[in-house]
Amino acid sequence: MNGERKVISFTVTGFGEEYTVQTYENEYRNLMVLLNDKIYMEDFGQCGGQGRCATCLVEVTAPGGGLLTHERNEQSTIAKKGRVGQNARLSCQIFINDALNGAVINIPDDLL
């Protein structure tokens, strides 16, 4: 390995805006932390990334579907918010890795 880190690039939509985000694997603990750092959102991720509050809910469109596997109790937390659908995820449960490359992450208007 030559020490170069592969750039992970994806798109975030929300607030009527579209952002292109570039990062590296494991640069952030999870997508929620990255979004709070790059695109500050008030009250986003209130439980601090424990997957309990669903205030960091995002809708994911990803090549290959690698980001659509739910972690732990994620589906029950999402259901408490009245969301259904495979593409709803908690950003605190999405790790920063190559599966994010080329993805589109939408922050639903009703969470803003």
PDB file of N, CA and C in Angstrom:
ATOM      1  N   MET A   1       0.842  -1.172   0.000  1.00  0.00           N
ATOM      2  CA  MET A   1       0.000   0.000   0.000  1.00  0.00           C
ATOM      3  C   MET A   1       0.888   1.236   0.000  1.00  0.00           C
ATOM      4  N   ASN A   2       0.528   2.230  -0.801  1.00  0.00           N
ATOM      5  CA  ASN A   2       1.365   3.405  -0.941  1.00  0.00           C
ATOM      6  C   ASN A   2       0.997   4.529   0.028  1.00  0.00           C
ATOM      7  N   GLY A   3       0.086   4.291   0.966  1.00  0.00           N
ATOM      8  CA  GLY A   3      -0.260   5.281   1.957  1.00  0.00           C
ATOM      9  C   GLY A   3      -1.359   6.248   1.530  1.00  0.00           C
ATOM     10  N   GLU A   4      -1.754   6.210   0.252  1.00  0.00           N
ATOM     11  CA  GLU A   4      -2.834   7.077  -0.201  1.00  0.00           C
ATOM     12  C   GLU A   4      -4.170   6.492   0.215  1.00  0.00           C
ATOM     13  N   ARG A   5      -5.046   7.364   0.679  1.00  0.00           N
ATOM     14  CA  ARG A   5      -6.373   6.928   1.079  1.00  0.00           C
ATOM     15  C   ARG A   5      -7.351   7.176  -0.059  1.00  0.00           C
ATOM     16  N   LYS A   6      -8.219   6.211  -0.300  1.00  0.00           N
ATOM     17  CA  LYS A   6      -9.200   6.337  -1.362  1.00  0.00           C
ATOM     18  C   LYS A   6     -10.290   7.316  -0.951  1.00  0.00           C
ATOM     19  N   VAL A   7     -10.588   8.241  -1.845  1.00  0.00           N
ATOM     20  CA  VAL A   7     -11.631   9.229  -1.597  1.00  0.00           C
ATOM     21  C   VAL A   7     -12.998   8.573  -1.767  1.00  0.00           C
ATOM     22  N   ILE A   8     -13.876   8.827  -0.821  1.00  0.00           N
ATOM     23  CA  ILE A   8     -15.264   8.390  -0.888  1.00  0.00           C
ATOM     24  C   ILE A   8     -16.086   9.641  -1.163  1.00  0.00           C
ATOM     25  N   SER A   9     -16.853   9.620  -2.235  1.00  0.00           N
ATOM     26  CA  SER A   9     -17.619  10.789  -2.640  1.00  0.00           C
ATOM     27  C   SER A   9     -19.095  10.406  -2.752  1.00  0.00           C
ATOM     28  N   PHE A  10     -19.969  11.224  -2.180  1.00  0.00           N
ATOM     29  CA  PHE A  10     -21.407  10.964  -2.272  1.00  0.00           C
ATOM     30  C   PHE A  10     -22.149  12.290  -2.224  1.00  0.00           C
ATOM     31  N   THR A  11     -23.431  12.245  -2.493  1.00  0.00           N
ATOM     32  CA  THR A  11     -24.265  13.439  -2.558  1.00  0.00           C
ATOM     33  C   THR A  11     -25.242  13.441  -1.396  1.00  0.00           C
ATOM     34  N   VAL A  12     -25.439  14.614  -0.815  1.00  0.00           N
ATOM     35  CA  VAL A  12     -26.430  14.800   0.242  1.00  0.00           C
ATOM     36  C   VAL A  12     -27.415  15.848  -0.240  1.00  0.00           C
ATOM     37  N   THR A  13     -28.712  15.531  -0.160  1.00  0.00           N
ATOM     38  CA  THR A  13     -29.742  16.506  -0.497  1.00  0.00           C
ATOM     39  C   THR A  13     -30.549  16.812   0.754  1.00  0.00           C
ATOM     40  N   GLY A  14     -30.906  18.064   0.901  1.00  0.00           N
ATOM     41  CA  GLY A  14     -31.708  18.514   2.030  1.00  0.00           C
ATOM     42  C   GLY A  14     -31.667  20.018   2.108  1.00  0.00           C
ATOM     43  N   PHE A  15     -32.616  20.603   2.793  1.00  0.00           N
ATOM     44  CA  PHE A  15     -32.690  22.062   2.926  1.00  0.00           C
ATOM     45  C   PHE A  15     -32.845  22.736   1.569  1.00  0.00           C
ATOM     46  N   GLY A  16     -33.369  22.015   0.573  1.00  0.00           N
ATOM     47  CA  GLY A  16     -33.473  22.579  -0.771  1.00  0.00           C
ATOM     48  C   GLY A  16     -32.133  22.719  -1.462  1.00  0.00           C
ATOM     49  N   GLU A  17     -31.115  22.075  -0.927  1.00  0.00           N
ATOM     50  CA  GLU A  17     -29.757  22.161  -1.459  1.00  0.00           C
ATOM     51  C   GLU A  17     -29.238  20.767  -1.807  1.00  0.00           C
ATOM     52  N   GLU A  18     -28.184  20.737  -2.597  1.00  0.00           N
ATOM     53  CA  GLU A  18     -27.477  19.497  -2.899  1.00  0.00           C
ATOM     54  C   GLU A  18     -26.002  19.726  -2.594  1.00  0.00           C
ATOM     55  N   TYR A  19     -25.429  18.837  -1.824  1.00  0.00           N
ATOM     56  CA  TYR A  19     -24.036  18.944  -1.406  1.00  0.00           C
ATOM     57  C   TYR A  19     -23.265  17.734  -1.913  1.00  0.00           C
ATOM     58  N   THR A  20     -22.072  17.954  -2.421  1.00  0.00           N
ATOM     59  CA  THR A  20     -21.170  16.853  -2.742  1.00  0.00           C
ATOM     60  C   THR A  20     -20.189  16.748  -1.584  1.00  0.00           C
ATOM     61  N   VAL A  21     -20.144  15.562  -0.983  1.00  0.00           N
ATOM     62  CA  VAL A  21     -19.303  15.355   0.192  1.00  0.00           C
ATOM     63  C   VAL A  21     -18.183  14.396  -0.169  1.00  0.00           C
ATOM     64  N   GLN A  22     -16.984  14.735   0.241  1.00  0.00           N
ATOM     65  CA  GLN A  22     -15.841  13.840   0.059  1.00  0.00           C
ATOM     66  C   GLN A  22     -15.221  13.558   1.412  1.00  0.00           C
ATOM     67  N   THR A  23     -14.867  12.300   1.619  1.00  0.00           N
ATOM     68  CA  THR A  23     -14.284  11.887   2.887  1.00  0.00           C
ATOM     69  C   THR A  23     -13.396  10.672   2.625  1.00  0.00           C
ATOM     70  N   TYR A  24     -12.914  10.082   3.679  1.00  0.00           N
ATOM     71  CA  TYR A  24     -12.091   8.872   3.601  1.00  0.00           C
ATOM     72  C   TYR A  24     -12.659   7.844   4.566  1.00  0.00           C
ATOM     73  N   GLU A  25     -12.404   6.577   4.295  1.00  0.00           N
ATOM     74  CA  GLU A  25     -12.891   5.518   5.174  1.00  0.00           C
ATOM     75  C   GLU A  25     -12.449   5.784   6.613  1.00  0.00           C
ATOM     76  N   ASN A  26     -13.391   5.669   7.515  1.00  0.00           N
ATOM     77  CA  ASN A  26     -13.176   5.848   8.953  1.00  0.00           C
ATOM     78  C   ASN A  26     -12.728   7.255   9.362  1.00  0.00           C
ATOM     79  N   GLU A  27     -12.864   8.244   8.476  1.00  0.00           N
ATOM     80  CA  GLU A  27     -12.524   9.615   8.863  1.00  0.00           C
ATOM     81  C   GLU A  27     -13.473  10.108   9.963  1.00  0.00           C
ATOM     82  N   TYR A  28     -14.698   9.631   9.928  1.00  0.00           N
ATOM     83  CA  TYR A  28     -15.694   9.938  10.947  1.00  0.00           C
ATOM     84  C   TYR A  28     -16.218   8.630  11.524  1.00  0.00           C
ATOM     85  N   ARG A  29     -16.751   8.694  12.731  1.00  0.00           N
ATOM     86  CA  ARG A  29     -17.279   7.499  13.402  1.00  0.00           C
ATOM     87  C   ARG A  29     -18.453   6.910  12.618  1.00  0.00           C
ATOM     88  N   ASN A  30     -19.312   7.783  12.074  1.00  0.00           N
ATOM     89  CA  ASN A  30     -20.461   7.337  11.295  1.00  0.00           C
ATOM     90  C   ASN A  30     -20.973   8.511  10.459  1.00  0.00           C
ATOM     91  N   LEU A  31     -21.987   8.243   9.641  1.00  0.00           N
ATOM     92  CA  LEU A  31     -22.518   9.274   8.751  1.00  0.00           C
ATOM     93  C   LEU A  31     -23.153  10.423   9.529  1.00  0.00           C
ATOM     94  N   MET A  32     -23.788  10.157  10.648  1.00  0.00           N
ATOM     95  CA  MET A  32     -24.402  11.210  11.453  1.00  0.00           C
ATOM     96  C   MET A  32     -23.362  12.244  11.886  1.00  0.00           C
ATOM     97  N   VAL A  33     -22.223  11.792  12.366  1.00  0.00           N
ATOM     98  CA  VAL A  33     -21.163  12.702  12.809  1.00  0.00           C
ATOM     99  C   VAL A  33     -20.635  13.506  11.626  1.00  0.00           C
ATOM    100  N   LEU A  34     -20.443  12.855  10.495  1.00  0.00           N
ATOM    101  CA  LEU A  34     -19.978  13.544   9.290  1.00  0.00           C
ATOM    102  C   LEU A  34     -20.969  14.628   8.878  1.00  0.00           C
ATOM    103  N   LEU A  35     -22.261  14.285   8.828  1.00  0.00           N
ATOM    104  CA  LEU A  35     -23.266  15.266   8.424  1.00  0.00           C
ATOM    105  C   LEU A  35     -23.321  16.442   9.387  1.00  0.00           C
ATOM    106  N   ASN A  36     -23.206  16.179  10.669  1.00  0.00           N
ATOM    107  CA  ASN A  36     -23.199  17.275  11.646  1.00  0.00           C
ATOM    108  C   ASN A  36     -21.978  18.164  11.481  1.00  0.00           C
ATOM    109  N   ASP A  37     -20.857  17.595  11.076  1.00  0.00           N
ATOM    110  CA  ASP A  37     -19.641  18.371  10.884  1.00  0.00           C
ATOM    111  C   ASP A  37     -19.674  19.180   9.585  1.00  0.00           C
ATOM    112  N   LYS A  38     -20.106  18.545   8.514  1.00  0.00           N
ATOM    113  CA  LYS A  38     -20.053  19.186   7.191  1.00  0.00           C
ATOM    114  C   LYS A  38     -21.285  20.044   6.895  1.00  0.00           C
ATOM    115  N   ILE A  39     -22.457  19.600   7.364  1.00  0.00           N
ATOM    116  CA  ILE A  39     -23.715  20.305   7.090  1.00  0.00           C
ATOM    117  C   ILE A  39     -24.446  20.396   8.429  1.00  0.00           C
ATOM    118  N   TYR A  40     -24.161  21.406   9.185  1.00  0.00           N
ATOM    119  CA  TYR A  40     -24.728  21.493  10.532  1.00  0.00           C
ATOM    120  C   TYR A  40     -26.254  21.510  10.480  1.00  0.00           C
ATOM    121  N   MET A  41     -26.869  20.608  11.263  1.00  0.00           N
ATOM    122  CA  MET A  41     -28.320  20.537  11.329  1.00  0.00           C
ATOM    123  C   MET A  41     -28.741  20.522  12.796  1.00  0.00           C
ATOM    124  N   GLU A  42     -29.490  21.517  13.193  1.00  0.00           N
ATOM    125  CA  GLU A  42     -29.936  21.622  14.578  1.00  0.00           C
ATOM    126  C   GLU A  42     -30.824  20.428  14.940  1.00  0.00           C
ATOM    127  N   ASP A  43     -30.605  19.859  16.102  1.00  0.00           N
ATOM    128  CA  ASP A  43     -31.383  18.736  16.638  1.00  0.00           C
ATOM    129  C   ASP A  43     -31.226  17.435  15.843  1.00  0.00           C
ATOM    130  N   PHE A  44     -30.202  17.321  15.039  1.00  0.00           N
ATOM    131  CA  PHE A  44     -29.943  16.112  14.256  1.00  0.00           C
ATOM    132  C   PHE A  44     -29.095  15.176  15.105  1.00  0.00           C
ATOM    133  N   GLY A  45     -29.602  13.973  15.360  1.00  0.00           N
ATOM    134  CA  GLY A  45     -28.848  12.997  16.139  1.00  0.00           C
ATOM    135  C   GLY A  45     -28.880  13.271  17.630  1.00  0.00           C
ATOM    136  N   GLN A  46     -30.050  13.482  18.167  1.00  0.00           N
ATOM    137  CA  GLN A  46     -30.195  13.870  19.573  1.00  0.00           C
ATOM    138  C   GLN A  46     -29.690  12.825  20.562  1.00  0.00           C
ATOM    139  N   CYS A  47     -29.760  11.537  20.224  1.00  0.00           N
ATOM    140  CA  CYS A  47     -29.323  10.510  21.179  1.00  0.00           C
ATOM    141  C   CYS A  47     -27.820  10.254  21.102  1.00  0.00           C
ATOM    142  N   GLY A  48     -27.124  10.989  20.248  1.00  0.00           N
ATOM    143  CA  GLY A  48     -25.672  10.875  20.170  1.00  0.00           C
ATOM    144  C   GLY A  48     -25.172   9.653  19.419  1.00  0.00           C
ATOM    145  N   GLY A  49     -26.026   9.060  18.615  1.00  0.00           N
ATOM    146  CA  GLY A  49     -25.584   7.937  17.788  1.00  0.00           C
ATOM    147  C   GLY A  49     -25.874   6.566  18.365  1.00  0.00           C
ATOM    148  N   GLN A  50     -26.814   6.487  19.279  1.00  0.00           N
ATOM    149  CA  GLN A  50     -27.155   5.192  19.872  1.00  0.00           C
ATOM    150  C   GLN A  50     -28.279   4.473  19.132  1.00  0.00           C
ATOM    151  N   GLY A  51     -28.836   5.091  18.090  1.00  0.00           N
ATOM    152  CA  GLY A  51     -29.877   4.450  17.301  1.00  0.00           C
ATOM    153  C   GLY A  51     -31.218   4.382  18.002  1.00  0.00           C
ATOM    154  N   ARG A  52     -31.491   5.332  18.888  1.00  0.00           N
ATOM    155  CA  ARG A  52     -32.728   5.277  19.674  1.00  0.00           C
ATOM    156  C   ARG A  52     -33.761   6.342  19.320  1.00  0.00           C
ATOM    157  N   CYS A  53     -33.346   7.470  18.772  1.00  0.00           N
ATOM    158  CA  CYS A  53     -34.274   8.597  18.643  1.00  0.00           C
ATOM    159  C   CYS A  53     -34.799   8.817  17.229  1.00  0.00           C
ATOM    160  N   ALA A  54     -34.122   8.335  16.232  1.00  0.00           N
ATOM    161  CA  ALA A  54     -34.485   8.485  14.811  1.00  0.00           C
ATOM    162  C   ALA A  54     -34.453   9.936  14.339  1.00  0.00           C
ATOM    163  N   THR A  55     -33.775  10.823  15.069  1.00  0.00           N
ATOM    164  CA  THR A  55     -33.656  12.206  14.601  1.00  0.00           C
ATOM    165  C   THR A  55     -32.567  12.360  13.552  1.00  0.00           C
ATOM    166  N   CYS A  56     -31.862  11.281  13.252  1.00  0.00           N
ATOM    167  CA  CYS A  56     -30.827  11.326  12.205  1.00  0.00           C
ATOM    168  C   CYS A  56     -31.248  10.482  10.998  1.00  0.00           C
ATOM    169  N   LEU A  57     -32.553  10.263  10.856  1.00  0.00           N
ATOM    170  CA  LEU A  57     -33.068   9.433   9.769  1.00  0.00           C
ATOM    171  C   LEU A  57     -32.745  10.052   8.410  1.00  0.00           C
ATOM    172  N   VAL A  58     -32.303   9.226   7.487  1.00  0.00           N
ATOM    173  CA  VAL A  58     -32.035   9.642   6.115  1.00  0.00           C
ATOM    174  C   VAL A  58     -32.622   8.605   5.171  1.00  0.00           C
ATOM    175  N   GLU A  59     -32.780   8.998   3.925  1.00  0.00           N
ATOM    176  CA  GLU A  59     -33.200   8.076   2.873  1.00  0.00           C
ATOM    177  C   GLU A  59     -32.000   7.857   1.967  1.00  0.00           C
ATOM    178  N   VAL A  60     -31.690   6.600   1.712  1.00  0.00           N
ATOM    179  CA  VAL A  60     -30.457   6.237   1.022  1.00  0.00           C
ATOM    180  C   VAL A  60     -30.755   5.615  -0.341  1.00  0.00           C
ATOM    181  N   THR A  61     -30.061   6.103  -1.356  1.00  0.00           N
ATOM    182  CA  THR A  61     -30.024   5.454  -2.660  1.00  0.00           C
ATOM    183  C   THR A  61     -28.558   5.144  -2.917  1.00  0.00           C
ATOM    184  N   ALA A  62     -28.237   3.854  -2.981  1.00  0.00           N
ATOM    185  CA  ALA A  62     -26.832   3.473  -3.084  1.00  0.00           C
ATOM    186  C   ALA A  62     -26.616   2.442  -4.174  1.00  0.00           C
ATOM    187  N   PRO A  63     -25.540   2.596  -4.935  1.00  0.00           N
ATOM    188  CA  PRO A  63     -25.199   1.589  -5.931  1.00  0.00           C
ATOM    189  C   PRO A  63     -24.935   0.245  -5.249  1.00  0.00           C
ATOM    190  N   GLY A  64     -25.534  -0.800  -5.758  1.00  0.00           N
ATOM    191  CA  GLY A  64     -25.297  -2.134  -5.206  1.00  0.00           C
ATOM    192  C   GLY A  64     -26.087  -2.444  -3.945  1.00  0.00           C
ATOM    193  N   GLY A  65     -26.776  -1.461  -3.381  1.00  0.00           N
ATOM    194  CA  GLY A  65     -27.600  -1.689  -2.202  1.00  0.00           C
ATOM    195  C   GLY A  65     -26.846  -1.984  -0.923  1.00  0.00           C
ATOM    196  N   GLY A  66     -25.543  -1.743  -0.896  1.00  0.00           N
ATOM    197  CA  GLY A  66     -24.733  -2.074   0.272  1.00  0.00           C
ATOM    198  C   GLY A  66     -25.071  -1.300   1.538  1.00  0.00           C
ATOM    199  N   LEU A  67     -25.768  -0.200   1.406  1.00  0.00           N
ATOM    200  CA  LEU A  67     -26.109   0.608   2.578  1.00  0.00           C
ATOM    201  C   LEU A  67     -27.508   0.317   3.095  1.00  0.00           C
ATOM    202  N   LEU A  68     -28.180  -0.665   2.513  1.00  0.00           N
ATOM    203  CA  LEU A  68     -29.576  -0.890   2.866  1.00  0.00           C
ATOM    204  C   LEU A  68     -29.780  -1.966   3.920  1.00  0.00           C
ATOM    205  N   THR A  69     -28.704  -2.542   4.437  1.00  0.00           N
ATOM    206  CA  THR A  69     -28.810  -3.541   5.494  1.00  0.00           C
ATOM    207  C   THR A  69     -28.919  -2.827   6.831  1.00  0.00           C
ATOM    208  N   HIS A  70     -30.017  -3.081   7.536  1.00  0.00           N
ATOM    209  CA  HIS A  70     -30.238  -2.415   8.822  1.00  0.00           C
ATOM    210  C   HIS A  70     -29.415  -3.072   9.924  1.00  0.00           C
ATOM    211  N   GLU A  71     -28.986  -2.257  10.863  1.00  0.00           N
ATOM    212  CA  GLU A  71     -28.216  -2.722  12.008  1.00  0.00           C
ATOM    213  C   GLU A  71     -29.131  -2.910  13.211  1.00  0.00           C
ATOM    214  N   ARG A  72     -28.733  -3.758  14.124  1.00  0.00           N
ATOM    215  CA  ARG A  72     -29.376  -3.978  15.427  1.00  0.00           C
ATOM    216  C   ARG A  72     -30.881  -3.734  15.415  1.00  0.00           C
ATOM    217  N   ASN A  73     -31.349  -2.794  16.213  1.00  0.00           N
ATOM    218  CA  ASN A  73     -32.777  -2.496  16.347  1.00  0.00           C
ATOM    219  C   ASN A  73     -33.211  -1.320  15.489  1.00  0.00           C
ATOM    220  N   GLU A  74     -32.470  -1.093  14.432  1.00  0.00           N
ATOM    221  CA  GLU A  74     -32.702   0.089  13.599  1.00  0.00           C
ATOM    222  C   GLU A  74     -34.124   0.136  13.029  1.00  0.00           C
ATOM    223  N   GLN A  75     -34.638  -0.989  12.542  1.00  0.00           N
ATOM    224  CA  GLN A  75     -35.963  -0.992  11.931  1.00  0.00           C
ATOM    225  C   GLN A  75     -37.051  -0.600  12.927  1.00  0.00           C
ATOM    226  N   SER A  76     -36.957  -1.057  14.158  1.00  0.00           N
ATOM    227  CA  SER A  76     -37.985  -0.700  15.139  1.00  0.00           C
ATOM    228  C   SER A  76     -37.906   0.786  15.496  1.00  0.00           C
ATOM    229  N   THR A  77     -36.722   1.347  15.541  1.00  0.00           N
ATOM    230  CA  THR A  77     -36.567   2.784  15.809  1.00  0.00           C
ATOM    231  C   THR A  77     -37.146   3.596  14.654  1.00  0.00           C
ATOM    232  N   ILE A  78     -36.880   3.177  13.432  1.00  0.00           N
ATOM    233  CA  ILE A  78     -37.412   3.871  12.255  1.00  0.00           C
ATOM    234  C   ILE A  78     -38.938   3.771  12.242  1.00  0.00           C
ATOM    235  N   ALA A  79     -39.475   2.616  12.590  1.00  0.00           N
ATOM    236  CA  ALA A  79     -40.927   2.421  12.614  1.00  0.00           C
ATOM    237  C   ALA A  79     -41.609   3.357  13.603  1.00  0.00           C
ATOM    238  N   LYS A  80     -40.934   3.686  14.694  1.00  0.00           N
ATOM    239  CA  LYS A  80     -41.494   4.627  15.680  1.00  0.00           C
ATOM    240  C   LYS A  80     -41.715   6.004  15.071  1.00  0.00           C
ATOM    241  N   LYS A  81     -40.949   6.323  14.036  1.00  0.00           N
ATOM    242  CA  LYS A  81     -41.098   7.595  13.332  1.00  0.00           C
ATOM    243  C   LYS A  81     -42.159   7.504  12.236  1.00  0.00           C
ATOM    244  N   GLY A  82     -42.755   6.312  12.090  1.00  0.00           N
ATOM    245  CA  GLY A  82     -43.788   6.127  11.077  1.00  0.00           C
ATOM    246  C   GLY A  82     -43.242   5.928   9.677  1.00  0.00           C
ATOM    247  N   ARG A  83     -41.981   5.566   9.578  1.00  0.00           N
ATOM    248  CA  ARG A  83     -41.359   5.365   8.268  1.00  0.00           C
ATOM    249  C   ARG A  83     -41.409   3.898   7.871  1.00  0.00           C
ATOM    250  N   VAL A  84     -41.637   3.673   6.621  1.00  0.00           N
ATOM    251  CA  VAL A  84     -41.534   2.328   6.069  1.00  0.00           C
ATOM    252  C   VAL A  84     -40.702   2.428   4.807  1.00  0.00           C
ATOM    253  N   GLY A  85     -40.141   1.326   4.412  1.00  0.00           N
ATOM    254  CA  GLY A  85     -39.332   1.330   3.193  1.00  0.00           C
ATOM    255  C   GLY A  85     -37.896   0.977   3.490  1.00  0.00           C
ATOM    256  N   GLN A  86     -37.344   0.209   2.601  1.00  0.00           N
ATOM    257  CA  GLN A  86     -35.987  -0.301   2.770  1.00  0.00           C
ATOM    258  C   GLN A  86     -34.946   0.802   2.758  1.00  0.00           C
ATOM    259  N   ASN A  87     -35.220   1.929   2.093  1.00  0.00           N
ATOM    260  CA  ASN A  87     -34.168   2.945   1.964  1.00  0.00           C
ATOM    261  C   ASN A  87     -34.087   3.895   3.156  1.00  0.00           C
ATOM    262  N   ALA A  88     -34.975   3.775   4.147  1.00  0.00           N
ATOM    263  CA  ALA A  88     -34.881   4.605   5.352  1.00  0.00           C
ATOM    264  C   ALA A  88     -33.831   3.998   6.275  1.00  0.00           C
ATOM    265  N   ARG A  89     -32.880   4.826   6.678  1.00  0.00           N
ATOM    266  CA  ARG A  89     -31.795   4.387   7.565  1.00  0.00           C
ATOM    267  C   ARG A  89     -31.525   5.447   8.609  1.00  0.00           C
ATOM    268  N   LEU A  90     -30.939   5.028   9.713  1.00  0.00           N
ATOM    269  CA  LEU A  90     -30.434   5.959  10.706  1.00  0.00           C
ATOM    270  C   LEU A  90     -28.992   6.261  10.338  1.00  0.00           C
ATOM    271  N   SER A  91     -28.668   7.518  10.147  1.00  0.00           N
ATOM    272  CA  SER A  91     -27.303   7.848   9.706  1.00  0.00           C
ATOM    273  C   SER A  91     -26.260   7.474  10.753  1.00  0.00           C
ATOM    274  N   CYS A  92     -26.663   7.358  12.013  1.00  0.00           N
ATOM    275  CA  CYS A  92     -25.706   6.944  13.052  1.00  0.00           C
ATOM    276  C   CYS A  92     -25.321   5.475  12.919  1.00  0.00           C
ATOM    277  N   GLN A  93     -26.072   4.722  12.119  1.00  0.00           N
ATOM    278  CA  GLN A  93     -25.796   3.305  11.924  1.00  0.00           C
ATOM    279  C   GLN A  93     -25.114   3.028  10.577  1.00  0.00           C
ATOM    280  N   ILE A  94     -24.762   4.079   9.854  1.00  0.00           N
ATOM    281  CA  ILE A  94     -24.072   3.938   8.566  1.00  0.00           C
ATOM    282  C   ILE A  94     -22.614   4.322   8.776  1.00  0.00           C
ATOM    283  N   PHE A  95     -21.733   3.378   8.554  1.00  0.00           N
ATOM    284  CA  PHE A  95     -20.310   3.616   8.761  1.00  0.00           C
ATOM    285  C   PHE A  95     -19.670   4.204   7.513  1.00  0.00           C
ATOM    286  N   ILE A  96     -18.607   4.933   7.703  1.00  0.00           N
ATOM    287  CA  ILE A  96     -17.917   5.599   6.602  1.00  0.00           C
ATOM    288  C   ILE A  96     -16.977   4.597   5.947  1.00  0.00           C
ATOM    289  N   ASN A  97     -17.449   4.053   4.836  1.00  0.00           N
ATOM    290  CA  ASN A  97     -16.641   3.107   4.075  1.00  0.00           C
ATOM    291  C   ASN A  97     -17.029   3.205   2.605  1.00  0.00           C
ATOM    292  N   ASP A  98     -16.448   2.354   1.782  1.00  0.00           N
ATOM    293  CA  ASP A  98     -16.618   2.432   0.334  1.00  0.00           C
ATOM    294  C   ASP A  98     -18.066   2.235  -0.112  1.00  0.00           C
ATOM    295  N   ALA A  99     -18.915   1.637   0.720  1.00  0.00           N
ATOM    296  CA  ALA A  99     -20.328   1.458   0.352  1.00  0.00           C
ATOM    297  C   ALA A  99     -21.018   2.805   0.147  1.00  0.00           C
ATOM    298  N   LEU A 100     -20.494   3.874   0.738  1.00  0.00           N
ATOM    299  CA  LEU A 100     -21.056   5.219   0.569  1.00  0.00           C
ATOM    300  C   LEU A 100     -20.696   5.851  -0.772  1.00  0.00           C
ATOM    301  N   ASN A 101     -19.658   5.347  -1.412  1.00  0.00           N
ATOM    302  CA  ASN A 101     -19.181   5.948  -2.656  1.00  0.00           C
ATOM    303  C   ASN A 101     -20.290   5.918  -3.713  1.00  0.00           C
ATOM    304  N   GLY A 102     -20.649   7.085  -4.224  1.00  0.00           N
ATOM    305  CA  GLY A 102     -21.669   7.193  -5.261  1.00  0.00           C
ATOM    306  C   GLY A 102     -23.097   7.230  -4.730  1.00  0.00           C
ATOM    307  N   ALA A 103     -23.282   7.146  -3.430  1.00  0.00           N
ATOM    308  CA  ALA A 103     -24.624   7.132  -2.844  1.00  0.00           C
ATOM    309  C   ALA A 103     -25.250   8.523  -2.869  1.00  0.00           C
ATOM    310  N   VAL A 104     -26.571   8.539  -2.773  1.00  0.00           N
ATOM    311  CA  VAL A 104     -27.316   9.776  -2.579  1.00  0.00           C
ATOM    312  C   VAL A 104     -28.019   9.643  -1.234  1.00  0.00           C
ATOM    313  N   ILE A 105     -27.749  10.576  -0.353  1.00  0.00           N
ATOM    314  CA  ILE A 105     -28.327  10.598   0.984  1.00  0.00           C
ATOM    315  C   ILE A 105     -29.295  11.776   1.029  1.00  0.00           C
ATOM    316  N   ASN A 106     -30.565  11.485   1.237  1.00  0.00           N
ATOM    317  CA  ASN A 106     -31.584  12.533   1.307  1.00  0.00           C
ATOM    318  C   ASN A 106     -32.007  12.735   2.764  1.00  0.00           C
ATOM    319  N   ILE A 107     -32.010  13.959   3.195  1.00  0.00           N
ATOM    320  CA  ILE A 107     -32.505  14.312   4.528  1.00  0.00           C
ATOM    321  C   ILE A 107     -33.959  14.728   4.334  1.00  0.00           C
ATOM    322  N   PRO A 108     -34.901  13.917   4.811  1.00  0.00           N
ATOM    323  CA  PRO A 108     -36.320  14.206   4.570  1.00  0.00           C
ATOM    324  C   PRO A 108     -36.731  15.570   5.120  1.00  0.00           C
ATOM    325  N   ASP A 109     -37.576  16.279   4.383  1.00  0.00           N
ATOM    326  CA  ASP A 109     -38.019  17.618   4.764  1.00  0.00           C
ATOM    327  C   ASP A 109     -38.680  17.646   6.134  1.00  0.00           C
ATOM    328  N   ASP A 110     -39.396  16.579   6.491  1.00  0.00           N
ATOM    329  CA  ASP A 110     -40.105  16.606   7.765  1.00  0.00           C
ATOM    330  C   ASP A 110     -39.173  16.438   8.965  1.00  0.00           C
ATOM    331  N   LEU A 111     -37.887  16.193   8.725  1.00  0.00           N
ATOM    332  CA  LEU A 111     -36.927  16.134   9.803  1.00  0.00           C
ATOM    333  C   LEU A 111     -36.177  17.444   9.976  1.00  0.00           C
ATOM    334  N   LEU A 112     -36.290  18.308   9.010  1.00  0.00           N
ATOM    335  CA  LEU A 112     -35.528  19.557   9.035  1.00  0.00           C
ATOM    336  C   LEU A 112     -36.187  20.581   9.927  1.00  0.00           C
TER     337      LEU A 112
END
